[in-house]
Amino acid sequence: NSDYLRDPLQDQLQTEEIGISKDAYQIMKYHGSYQQNNRETRGPKDFQFMLRLKQPAGELSPDLYRLLDDLSAKMGQGDLRATTRQCFQMHGILKGDLKTVIASIMNIGSS
């Protein structure tokens, strides 16, 4: 039964809270995302998420690259990062936008 890979994450992603619990954070890391705190802001914590997209040999189609670039500009902090481990990372995604970003990537044929 894989319910332990969904709970408590599934419930917490639907709340208005800006962050998630430590248990949900561990599940997100397993799926290539993690919660970050914007250290540039003062006051209450300003949580955002990083989403990692693994690409074998670092290759991706032009359509997928354009989508990632657009999503990064519209729902992230505006920079799409290529890593040395054949991944692309989008930083600064708000919790409320995470589902839209992931669904958009999956709809174009990536996972």
Protein backbone atom coordinates (compact mmCIF):
# COMPACT_ATOMS: atom_id res chain seq x y z
CA ASN A 1 0.00 0.00 0.00
CA SER A 2 1.55 3.30 -1.07
CA ASP A 3 -0.67 5.56 1.03
CA TYR A 4 2.40 6.42 3.11
CA LEU A 5 3.84 8.10 0.01
CA ARG A 6 0.75 10.31 -0.22
CA ASP A 7 -0.20 11.15 3.35
CA PRO A 8 0.33 13.70 4.82
CA LEU A 9 1.55 15.37 1.63
CA GLN A 10 -1.72 15.11 -0.29
CA ASP A 11 -3.68 16.86 2.46
CA GLN A 12 -1.04 19.50 3.16
CA LEU A 13 -0.70 20.58 -0.47
CA GLN A 14 -4.39 21.55 -0.42
CA THR A 15 -4.18 23.86 2.60
CA GLU A 16 -3.60 27.61 2.59
CA GLU A 17 -0.48 27.19 4.75
CA ILE A 18 2.68 28.36 2.96
CA GLY A 19 4.78 25.39 4.11
CA ILE A 20 4.56 21.68 4.80
CA SER A 21 5.45 19.45 7.77
CA LYS A 22 8.71 17.54 8.19
CA ASP A 23 7.00 14.28 7.22
CA ALA A 24 5.59 15.78 4.02
CA TYR A 25 9.00 17.37 3.33
CA GLN A 26 10.64 13.91 3.36
CA ILE A 27 8.11 12.63 0.83
CA MET A 28 8.69 15.66 -1.42
CA LYS A 29 12.45 15.04 -1.39
CA TYR A 30 11.85 11.47 -2.56
CA HIS A 31 9.92 12.85 -5.54
CA GLY A 32 12.54 15.44 -6.55
CA SER A 33 11.35 18.56 -4.77
CA TYR A 34 12.08 20.28 -1.51
CA GLN A 35 10.87 23.21 0.53
CA GLN A 36 13.13 26.25 0.84
CA ASN A 37 13.00 29.37 2.96
CA ASN A 38 13.70 32.67 1.23
CA ARG A 39 16.53 34.02 3.38
CA GLU A 40 16.34 37.43 1.71
CA THR A 41 13.06 38.28 3.43
CA ARG A 42 12.71 39.21 7.07
CA GLY A 43 9.80 38.40 9.32
CA PRO A 44 7.63 35.32 8.92
CA LYS A 45 9.08 32.44 6.94
CA ASP A 46 8.56 32.72 3.19
CA PHE A 47 8.52 29.12 1.97
CA GLN A 48 9.04 28.20 -1.66
CA PHE A 49 9.81 24.95 -3.44
CA MET A 50 12.53 23.68 -5.74
CA LEU A 51 11.56 21.16 -8.39
CA ARG A 52 14.20 18.91 -9.97
CA LEU A 53 13.68 17.36 -13.40
CA LYS A 54 16.12 14.58 -14.26
CA GLN A 55 16.95 14.27 -17.95
CA PRO A 56 19.06 11.34 -19.19
CA ALA A 57 22.29 12.73 -20.68
CA GLY A 58 20.90 16.21 -19.96
CA GLU A 59 18.96 16.16 -23.24
CA LEU A 60 15.45 17.51 -23.61
CA SER A 61 13.19 18.48 -26.47
CA PRO A 62 12.89 22.14 -27.51
CA ASP A 63 9.21 22.10 -26.49
CA LEU A 64 10.06 20.87 -22.99
CA TYR A 65 12.84 23.45 -22.63
CA ARG A 66 10.48 26.27 -23.65
CA LEU A 67 7.87 25.02 -21.19
CA LEU A 68 10.39 24.84 -18.33
CA ASP A 69 11.70 28.30 -19.18
CA ASP A 70 8.16 29.74 -19.28
CA LEU A 71 7.14 28.03 -16.03
CA SER A 72 10.30 29.26 -14.34
CA ALA A 73 9.59 32.82 -15.45
CA LYS A 74 5.88 32.76 -14.53
CA MET A 75 5.77 30.56 -11.43
CA GLY A 76 9.36 30.38 -10.23
CA GLN A 77 12.06 32.89 -9.45
CA GLY A 78 12.91 33.36 -13.11
CA ASP A 79 15.95 31.16 -13.57
CA LEU A 80 16.11 27.63 -14.88
CA ARG A 81 19.27 25.93 -13.65
CA ALA A 82 21.12 23.14 -15.47
CA THR A 83 23.11 20.99 -13.04
CA THR A 84 26.22 18.86 -13.45
CA ARG A 85 24.11 15.76 -12.75
CA GLN A 86 21.90 15.89 -15.85
CA CYS A 87 19.08 17.73 -14.11
CA PHE A 88 17.22 20.98 -14.46
CA GLN A 89 16.05 22.84 -11.38
CA MET A 90 13.32 25.41 -10.94
CA HIS A 91 13.50 27.43 -7.73
CA GLY A 92 10.98 29.72 -6.06
CA ILE A 93 7.77 27.83 -6.85
CA LEU A 94 4.98 28.64 -4.41
CA LYS A 95 3.08 25.72 -2.89
CA GLY A 96 -0.14 26.74 -4.63
CA ASP A 97 1.59 26.60 -8.03
CA LEU A 98 3.39 23.28 -7.52
CA LYS A 99 0.56 21.10 -8.85
CA THR A 100 0.18 23.25 -11.99
CA VAL A 101 3.92 23.15 -12.70
CA ILE A 102 4.15 19.36 -12.27
CA ALA A 103 0.99 18.74 -14.34
CA SER A 104 2.30 20.98 -17.14
CA ILE A 105 5.57 19.03 -17.28
CA MET A 106 3.78 15.70 -17.30
CA ASN A 107 1.29 16.84 -19.98
CA ILE A 108 4.12 17.56 -22.40
CA GLY A 109 5.42 14.00 -21.98
CA SER A 110 8.01 14.20 -19.24
CA SER A 111 7.87 12.98 -15.65
